[in-house]
N, C-alpha and C. Protein backbone atom coordinates (compact mmCIF):
# COMPACT_ATOMS: atom_id res chain seq x y z
N MET A 1 31.77 -51.37 22.46
CA MET A 1 31.82 -50.33 21.80
C MET A 1 31.55 -49.39 22.43
N LYS A 2 32.42 -48.43 22.41
CA LYS A 2 33.02 -47.08 22.90
C LYS A 2 31.93 -45.65 22.50
N GLY A 3 31.53 -44.92 23.79
CA GLY A 3 30.60 -44.07 23.88
C GLY A 3 30.58 -43.20 23.04
N CYS A 4 29.51 -42.35 23.68
CA CYS A 4 29.24 -40.97 22.60
C CYS A 4 30.08 -39.70 23.33
N LYS A 5 31.35 -39.11 23.04
CA LYS A 5 32.19 -38.04 24.36
C LYS A 5 31.12 -36.50 23.55
N VAL A 6 31.04 -35.89 23.94
CA VAL A 6 30.91 -34.61 23.53
C VAL A 6 31.45 -33.58 24.22
N GLN A 7 32.74 -32.75 23.55
CA GLN A 7 33.45 -31.95 24.33
C GLN A 7 33.30 -30.80 23.93
N LEU A 8 32.93 -29.71 24.79
CA LEU A 8 32.73 -28.19 24.36
C LEU A 8 34.13 -27.33 25.16
N GLY A 9 33.88 -26.45 23.88
CA GLY A 9 34.99 -25.90 24.02
C GLY A 9 34.78 -24.57 23.25
N GLY A 10 36.16 -23.75 22.25
CA GLY A 10 35.36 -23.02 21.41
C GLY A 10 34.58 -24.15 19.96
N TYR A 11 34.42 -25.24 20.40
CA TYR A 11 33.64 -25.57 19.33
C TYR A 11 33.14 -26.64 19.72
N MET A 12 32.48 -27.42 19.27
CA MET A 12 32.11 -28.99 19.83
C MET A 12 32.12 -30.12 19.19
N LYS A 13 33.12 -31.13 19.67
CA LYS A 13 33.71 -32.25 19.14
C LYS A 13 33.37 -33.66 19.76
N LEU A 14 32.67 -34.24 18.74
CA LEU A 14 32.11 -35.40 19.01
C LEU A 14 32.93 -36.44 18.34
N ASN A 15 33.50 -37.11 20.04
CA ASN A 15 33.98 -38.68 19.80
C ASN A 15 33.17 -40.30 19.13
N ASN A 16 33.52 -40.64 17.85
CA ASN A 16 32.86 -42.16 18.13
C ASN A 16 31.52 -41.54 18.06
N CYS A 17 30.72 -40.73 17.14
CA CYS A 17 29.25 -39.91 17.35
C CYS A 17 28.35 -40.66 15.75
N LYS A 18 28.83 -41.40 15.46
CA LYS A 18 27.89 -41.77 13.89
C LYS A 18 27.10 -41.76 13.91
N TYR A 19 25.88 -42.16 14.52
CA TYR A 19 24.69 -41.72 14.84
C TYR A 19 24.77 -40.43 14.65
N ILE A 20 24.33 -39.70 16.24
CA ILE A 20 23.99 -38.67 16.79
C ILE A 20 25.35 -37.64 15.86
N SER A 21 26.33 -37.49 15.40
CA SER A 21 26.61 -36.46 14.09
C SER A 21 25.41 -36.48 12.93
N PHE A 22 24.86 -37.47 12.52
CA PHE A 22 24.37 -37.48 11.66
C PHE A 22 23.04 -37.37 11.27
N VAL A 23 22.02 -37.52 12.54
CA VAL A 23 21.18 -36.98 13.08
C VAL A 23 20.66 -35.47 13.41
N ILE A 24 22.23 -35.34 14.21
CA ILE A 24 22.32 -32.64 14.44
C ILE A 24 22.49 -32.92 12.78
N VAL A 25 22.86 -33.20 11.49
CA VAL A 25 23.49 -32.85 10.39
C VAL A 25 21.65 -32.46 9.90
N VAL A 26 21.23 -33.89 9.24
CA VAL A 26 20.11 -33.72 9.01
C VAL A 26 18.79 -32.80 10.13
N PHE A 27 19.20 -32.90 10.88
CA PHE A 27 17.86 -31.33 11.20
C PHE A 27 18.93 -30.70 11.10
N LEU A 28 19.69 -30.14 11.49
CA LEU A 28 20.15 -29.00 10.90
C LEU A 28 19.84 -28.07 9.58
N GLY A 29 20.41 -29.61 9.12
CA GLY A 29 20.14 -29.15 7.32
C GLY A 29 18.51 -29.07 6.74
N ILE A 30 17.44 -29.06 7.48
CA ILE A 30 16.01 -29.56 6.89
C ILE A 30 15.94 -27.82 7.35
N PRO A 31 15.48 -27.19 6.14
CA PRO A 31 15.15 -25.70 6.40
C PRO A 31 13.54 -26.01 6.97
N THR A 32 13.80 -24.54 7.75
CA THR A 32 11.75 -24.30 8.94
C THR A 32 11.05 -23.83 7.44
N PHE A 33 10.07 -24.24 7.34
CA PHE A 33 9.16 -24.44 6.34
C PHE A 33 7.82 -23.30 6.91
N ALA A 34 7.61 -23.77 8.25
CA ALA A 34 6.32 -23.81 8.80
C ALA A 34 6.42 -21.67 8.75
N ASN A 35 8.08 -21.10 9.37
CA ASN A 35 7.84 -19.73 9.96
C ASN A 35 8.00 -19.13 8.01
N GLU A 36 8.47 -19.74 7.36
CA GLU A 36 8.48 -18.43 6.29
C GLU A 36 6.87 -18.46 5.59
N GLN A 37 6.93 -17.27 5.01
CA GLN A 37 5.88 -17.26 4.76
C GLN A 37 5.99 -16.54 2.79
N GLU A 38 5.33 -17.37 2.16
CA GLU A 38 4.87 -17.32 1.01
C GLU A 38 5.52 -15.20 0.58
N PRO A 39 6.23 -14.31 -0.46
CA PRO A 39 6.13 -12.82 0.09
C PRO A 39 5.09 -12.32 -1.28
N GLU A 40 4.29 -11.18 -0.80
CA GLU A 40 3.10 -10.96 -1.65
C GLU A 40 3.41 -10.71 -2.85
N GLU A 41 2.13 -10.76 -3.22
CA GLU A 41 2.44 -10.18 -4.60
C GLU A 41 2.30 -8.80 -4.87
N GLU A 42 3.46 -7.98 -5.17
CA GLU A 42 3.31 -6.51 -5.75
C GLU A 42 3.46 -5.85 -7.34
N ILE A 43 2.16 -4.75 -7.48
CA ILE A 43 2.39 -5.32 -9.35
C ILE A 43 1.93 -3.41 -8.88
N ILE A 44 2.84 -3.02 -9.43
CA ILE A 44 3.13 -1.58 -9.61
C ILE A 44 4.14 -0.46 -10.32
N GLU A 45 2.73 -0.78 -11.80
CA GLU A 45 2.80 0.04 -13.14
C GLU A 45 3.47 1.68 -12.90
N PHE A 46 4.37 1.56 -13.75
CA PHE A 46 4.89 3.17 -13.45
C PHE A 46 4.39 4.02 -14.90
N CYS A 47 2.89 4.24 -14.89
CA CYS A 47 2.09 5.37 -16.17
C CYS A 47 3.32 6.87 -16.76
N ASP A 48 2.83 7.08 -18.05
CA ASP A 48 2.97 7.82 -18.38
C ASP A 48 2.23 9.42 -18.07
N PHE A 49 2.05 9.77 -16.59
CA PHE A 49 1.39 10.86 -16.79
C PHE A 49 1.11 12.26 -17.51
N LYS A 50 0.48 12.27 -18.04
CA LYS A 50 1.27 13.91 -19.20
C LYS A 50 0.81 15.05 -18.29
N VAL A 51 1.46 15.99 -17.81
CA VAL A 51 1.25 17.74 -18.00
C VAL A 51 0.85 18.00 -19.03
N SER A 52 -0.38 19.20 -18.83
CA SER A 52 0.40 20.45 -20.15
C SER A 52 1.49 20.63 -20.78
N LYS A 53 1.07 21.14 -21.84
CA LYS A 53 2.33 21.10 -22.16
C LYS A 53 2.98 23.08 -21.46
N PHE A 54 1.94 23.86 -21.05
CA PHE A 54 2.06 25.12 -20.32
C PHE A 54 3.12 24.91 -19.35
N PHE A 55 1.97 23.88 -18.06
CA PHE A 55 2.57 23.72 -17.33
C PHE A 55 4.22 23.16 -17.27
N ALA A 56 4.25 21.77 -18.18
CA ALA A 56 5.21 21.81 -18.91
C ALA A 56 6.42 22.63 -18.90
N GLN A 57 6.51 24.05 -19.04
CA GLN A 57 7.18 25.15 -19.74
C GLN A 57 6.66 25.45 -19.04
N ALA A 58 6.47 25.58 -17.78
CA ALA A 58 6.28 27.14 -17.25
C ALA A 58 7.14 26.46 -16.10
N TYR A 59 7.41 27.49 -14.92
CA TYR A 59 8.49 27.30 -13.55
C TYR A 59 7.53 26.79 -12.79
N ALA A 60 7.25 25.42 -13.10
CA ALA A 60 6.32 25.17 -11.98
C ALA A 60 6.69 23.38 -10.97
N SER A 61 6.90 23.25 -10.30
CA SER A 61 7.07 22.13 -9.76
C SER A 61 5.85 22.13 -8.47
N PHE A 62 5.62 20.63 -8.57
CA PHE A 62 4.23 20.15 -7.78
C PHE A 62 4.28 18.48 -7.40
N GLY A 63 2.86 18.36 -6.41
CA GLY A 63 2.85 17.26 -5.60
C GLY A 63 2.10 16.75 -6.68
N VAL A 64 1.44 16.03 -6.58
CA VAL A 64 -0.25 15.31 -6.69
C VAL A 64 0.32 13.59 -5.57
N ALA A 65 -0.74 13.82 -4.80
CA ALA A 65 -1.43 13.33 -3.43
C ALA A 65 -2.89 12.11 -3.43
N TYR A 66 -2.44 10.57 -3.14
CA TYR A 66 -3.81 10.28 -3.30
C TYR A 66 -3.80 9.03 -1.86
N THR A 67 -4.80 8.84 -1.35
CA THR A 67 -4.90 7.68 -0.47
C THR A 67 -5.69 6.53 -1.07
N MET A 68 -5.60 5.06 -0.81
CA MET A 68 -6.49 4.23 -1.46
C MET A 68 -6.31 3.43 0.27
N GLU A 69 -7.18 2.83 0.28
CA GLU A 69 -7.28 1.03 0.88
C GLU A 69 -6.97 -0.03 -0.10
N ILE A 70 -6.79 -0.98 0.11
CA ILE A 70 -5.86 -2.23 -0.23
C ILE A 70 -7.39 -3.11 0.25
N ASP A 71 -7.98 -3.91 -1.20
CA ASP A 71 -9.05 -4.99 -0.51
C ASP A 71 -8.08 -6.23 -0.34
N SER A 72 -8.42 -7.30 -0.08
CA SER A 72 -8.18 -8.67 0.19
C SER A 72 -7.41 -9.32 -1.06
N ASN A 73 -7.86 -8.73 -2.14
CA ASN A 73 -7.05 -9.47 -2.99
C ASN A 73 -6.18 -8.38 -3.93
N GLY A 74 -5.73 -7.27 -2.77
CA GLY A 74 -5.01 -6.90 -3.81
C GLY A 74 -4.31 -5.69 -4.10
N SER A 75 -6.17 -5.15 -4.55
CA SER A 75 -6.44 -4.24 -5.46
C SER A 75 -6.78 -3.02 -5.47
N PRO A 76 -6.08 -1.29 -5.35
CA PRO A 76 -6.43 -0.46 -4.82
C PRO A 76 -8.70 0.02 -4.71
N ILE A 77 -8.89 0.07 -3.68
CA ILE A 77 -10.32 0.50 -3.59
C ILE A 77 -10.09 2.20 -2.63
N ASN A 78 -11.58 2.91 -2.68
CA ASN A 78 -11.87 3.43 -2.85
C ASN A 78 -10.52 5.06 -2.48
N ILE A 79 -10.26 5.17 -3.73
CA ILE A 79 -9.11 6.08 -3.74
C ILE A 79 -9.32 7.26 -4.14
N VAL A 80 -8.88 8.56 -3.28
CA VAL A 80 -9.34 9.77 -2.86
C VAL A 80 -7.98 10.78 -3.17
N SER A 81 -8.38 11.69 -4.59
CA SER A 81 -7.29 12.92 -4.57
C SER A 81 -6.80 13.37 -3.36
N LYS A 82 -6.33 13.80 -2.49
CA LYS A 82 -6.04 14.81 -1.40
C LYS A 82 -5.77 15.49 -1.73
N LYS A 83 -6.51 16.64 -2.20
CA LYS A 83 -6.87 18.02 -2.59
C LYS A 83 -5.77 19.25 -1.95
N ILE A 84 -4.78 18.67 -2.13
CA ILE A 84 -3.57 19.65 -1.86
C ILE A 84 -3.59 20.60 -3.37
N THR A 85 -3.69 22.07 -2.88
CA THR A 85 -3.11 22.69 -4.50
C THR A 85 -2.58 22.79 -5.75
N THR A 86 -1.58 21.31 -5.47
CA THR A 86 -1.05 21.08 -6.65
C THR A 86 -1.55 20.10 -7.60
N ASN A 87 -2.84 19.17 -7.43
CA ASN A 87 -3.39 18.58 -7.32
C ASN A 87 -3.74 19.54 -9.35
N LYS A 88 -4.42 21.10 -8.74
CA LYS A 88 -4.85 21.25 -10.59
C LYS A 88 -4.27 21.24 -10.99
N TYR A 89 -3.02 20.30 -11.55
CA TYR A 89 -1.69 20.98 -12.32
C TYR A 89 -2.60 19.78 -13.33
N VAL A 90 -2.44 18.73 -13.50
CA VAL A 90 -3.00 17.44 -13.74
C VAL A 90 -4.39 16.73 -13.15
N SER A 91 -5.07 15.73 -14.44
CA SER A 91 -6.08 15.47 -13.99
C SER A 91 -6.52 14.05 -13.11
N ASP A 92 -7.07 14.21 -12.58
CA ASP A 92 -7.44 12.67 -11.49
C ASP A 92 -7.46 11.40 -12.29
N GLU A 93 -7.36 11.66 -14.55
CA GLU A 93 -8.10 10.40 -14.14
C GLU A 93 -7.03 9.43 -14.46
N PRO A 94 -5.81 9.69 -15.44
CA PRO A 94 -4.64 8.86 -15.96
C PRO A 94 -4.34 8.75 -14.41
N PHE A 95 -4.01 8.84 -13.52
CA PHE A 95 -4.14 7.89 -12.31
C PHE A 95 -4.74 7.44 -12.15
N MET A 96 -5.56 7.56 -12.01
CA MET A 96 -7.01 6.51 -11.20
C MET A 96 -7.31 4.89 -11.94
N GLU A 97 -6.63 5.68 -13.21
CA GLU A 97 -7.02 4.77 -14.59
C GLU A 97 -5.11 3.59 -14.12
N CYS A 98 -4.67 4.29 -13.89
CA CYS A 98 -3.28 4.08 -13.70
C CYS A 98 -3.15 2.77 -12.15
N PHE A 99 -4.03 3.23 -11.31
CA PHE A 99 -4.18 2.67 -9.86
C PHE A 99 -4.60 0.96 -9.76
N GLN A 100 -5.84 1.41 -11.51
CA GLN A 100 -6.90 -0.01 -11.37
C GLN A 100 -6.01 -0.95 -11.81
N LYS A 101 -4.67 -0.90 -12.37
CA LYS A 101 -3.64 -2.32 -12.67
C LYS A 101 -2.52 -2.24 -11.97
N TRP A 102 -2.62 -1.71 -10.77
CA TRP A 102 -1.93 -1.88 -9.91
C TRP A 102 -2.62 -3.25 -8.55
N LYS A 103 -1.38 -3.83 -7.88
CA LYS A 103 -2.32 -4.85 -6.93
C LYS A 103 -0.66 -5.06 -5.80
N LEU A 104 -1.46 -4.58 -5.10
CA LEU A 104 -0.68 -4.25 -3.26
C LEU A 104 -0.69 -5.72 -2.27
N PRO A 105 0.61 -5.86 -1.95
CA PRO A 105 0.29 -6.64 -0.65
C PRO A 105 -0.83 -6.30 0.45
N PRO A 106 -2.12 -7.06 0.50
CA PRO A 106 -3.04 -6.65 1.56
C PRO A 106 -3.12 -6.64 2.37
N SER A 107 -1.68 -6.61 3.07
CA SER A 107 -0.92 -6.38 4.86
C SER A 107 -0.63 -5.13 4.54
N TYR A 108 -0.98 -3.93 3.05
CA TYR A 108 -0.60 -2.56 3.41
C TYR A 108 -1.95 -1.29 4.01
N GLU A 109 -2.91 -2.31 3.52
CA GLU A 109 -4.70 -1.49 4.18
C GLU A 109 -4.85 -0.35 3.79
N LYS A 110 -4.07 0.28 4.15
CA LYS A 110 -4.23 1.80 3.46
C LYS A 110 -3.40 2.45 3.26
N VAL A 111 -2.85 3.39 2.16
CA VAL A 111 -1.39 3.39 1.75
C VAL A 111 -2.17 4.87 1.17
N ASP A 112 -0.91 5.97 1.43
CA ASP A 112 -1.21 7.52 0.78
C ASP A 112 0.14 6.73 -0.78
N VAL A 113 -0.42 7.58 -1.84
CA VAL A 113 1.04 7.45 -2.60
C VAL A 113 0.96 8.88 -3.26
N TYR A 114 2.26 9.34 -3.61
CA TYR A 114 2.23 10.38 -4.31
C TYR A 114 3.38 10.47 -5.30
N PHE A 115 3.47 11.46 -6.02
CA PHE A 115 4.40 12.04 -6.97
C PHE A 115 4.67 13.65 -7.07
N TYR A 116 5.59 13.33 -7.68
CA TYR A 116 6.71 14.99 -7.44
C TYR A 116 6.75 15.14 -9.10
N TRP A 117 6.60 16.36 -9.35
CA TRP A 117 6.37 16.45 -11.14
C TRP A 117 7.68 17.60 -10.31
N LYS A 118 9.18 17.93 -11.33
CA LYS A 118 9.98 19.19 -10.45
C LYS A 118 10.28 20.25 -12.26
N HIS A 119 10.31 20.84 -12.16
CA HIS A 119 10.13 22.38 -13.45
C HIS A 119 11.78 21.92 -14.16
N ALA A 120 11.02 21.24 -15.73
CA ALA A 120 12.55 21.19 -16.08
C ALA A 120 13.32 19.08 -16.22
N VAL A 121 12.21 19.16 -15.37
CA VAL A 121 12.86 17.48 -15.22
C VAL A 121 12.04 16.26 -14.98
N GLY A 122 11.05 16.36 -15.07
CA GLY A 122 9.55 15.81 -15.74
C GLY A 122 9.04 15.10 -14.01
N TRP A 123 8.65 13.84 -13.91
CA TRP A 123 8.34 13.68 -13.49
C TRP A 123 9.67 13.10 -12.17
N THR A 124 9.52 12.69 -10.96
CA THR A 124 11.12 12.69 -10.58
C THR A 124 11.00 11.44 -9.07
N THR A 125 9.74 11.58 -8.57
CA THR A 125 9.88 10.14 -7.72
C THR A 125 8.48 10.10 -7.22
N MET A 126 8.34 8.70 -6.61
CA MET A 126 6.95 8.20 -6.09
C MET A 126 7.56 7.45 -4.90
N SER A 127 6.43 7.65 -4.05
CA SER A 127 6.31 7.02 -3.03
C SER A 127 5.18 6.72 -2.44
N ILE A 128 4.45 5.46 -1.34
CA ILE A 128 4.18 4.81 -1.65
C ILE A 128 4.09 4.53 0.67
N THR A 129 3.15 4.92 0.76
CA THR A 129 3.59 5.09 2.66
C THR A 129 2.02 4.59 3.18
N GLY A 130 2.53 3.68 4.08
CA GLY A 130 1.29 3.56 4.87
C GLY A 130 1.63 2.44 6.25
N LYS A 131 1.00 2.32 6.94
CA LYS A 131 0.83 1.48 8.56
C LYS A 131 2.29 0.40 9.05
N ASN A 132 1.80 -0.45 7.11
CA ASN A 132 2.66 -1.60 6.84
C ASN A 132 4.49 -1.74 4.90
N VAL A 133 4.10 -0.16 5.40
CA VAL A 133 4.80 0.44 3.35
C VAL A 133 5.54 1.45 4.09
N ASN A 134 6.36 1.56 3.58
CA ASN A 134 7.02 2.65 3.12
C ASN A 134 8.63 2.86 2.42
N ARG A 135 7.65 3.16 1.13
CA ARG A 135 9.15 2.82 -0.25
C ARG A 135 8.38 4.13 -0.82
N LYS A 136 9.95 4.38 -1.54
CA LYS A 136 10.41 5.67 -2.60
C LYS A 136 11.27 5.61 -2.99
N TRP A 137 10.45 5.33 -5.14
CA TRP A 137 11.18 5.49 -6.18
C TRP A 137 11.51 6.76 -6.41
N SER A 138 12.69 7.01 -7.01
CA SER A 138 13.52 7.90 -7.77
C SER A 138 13.45 7.89 -9.35
N PHE A 139 13.35 8.61 -9.86
CA PHE A 139 13.18 8.61 -11.18
C PHE A 139 14.32 9.03 -12.84
N GLN A 140 15.15 9.03 -13.05
CA GLN A 140 16.35 9.80 -13.62
C GLN A 140 15.73 10.48 -14.63
N GLN A 141 16.56 11.97 -14.85
CA GLN A 141 15.95 13.02 -15.39
C GLN A 141 15.61 12.39 -17.22
N GLY A 142 15.03 13.04 -17.97
CA GLY A 142 14.85 12.19 -18.97
C GLY A 142 13.97 10.93 -19.00
N TRP A 143 13.88 10.07 -17.88
CA TRP A 143 13.30 8.61 -17.90
C TRP A 143 11.85 9.06 -18.93
N GLN A 144 11.02 9.89 -17.91
CA GLN A 144 10.26 10.53 -18.37
C GLN A 144 9.48 11.83 -18.87
N THR A 145 9.26 12.29 -19.60
CA THR A 145 9.39 13.74 -20.23
C THR A 145 7.84 13.84 -19.81
N GLY A 146 6.49 13.37 -19.69
CA GLY A 146 5.24 13.59 -18.89
C GLY A 146 4.88 15.20 -19.43
N ILE A 147 4.77 15.36 -20.65
CA ILE A 147 4.28 16.66 -21.70
C ILE A 147 3.56 16.02 -22.47
N LYS A 148 2.20 16.25 -22.55
CA LYS A 148 1.08 15.98 -23.43
C LYS A 148 1.82 17.32 -24.98
N ARG A 149 1.70 16.17 -25.72
CA ARG A 149 1.67 17.62 -27.57
C ARG A 149 0.50 17.76 -27.75
N ASP A 150 0.06 18.48 -26.90
CA ASP A 150 -1.57 19.96 -27.31
C ASP A 150 -1.48 20.17 -29.14
């Protein structure tokens, strides 16, 4: 019976190595599940945050910002409006209601959420930033008018 010969060069050549070849292929072909983690669930509802007709028609562009913690189930808790001057254009209530529908990965821990309203366009961006996340969404013009019909 011939011995198994391994020849190294720009490639590895195995001669008379039926069993070793099989073992190498089997072990290389087995996925490593131990290091893979299941992705954390993320549910973000894009709510229709209405702006009063007055501000929608005025030459006003503004941002709205919130800080929240994410509990072990992924639910936003301790939601606080960042009282920047631009929060005066909209009520906090629709944002708070919308956040209750969200589910974020607990690894996010604490995040800042920012929305931007652009004059004559509507809501244009939403971002979520924090220790373990830096996400931003841009909305096309006409996606959402965000105007309350008073």
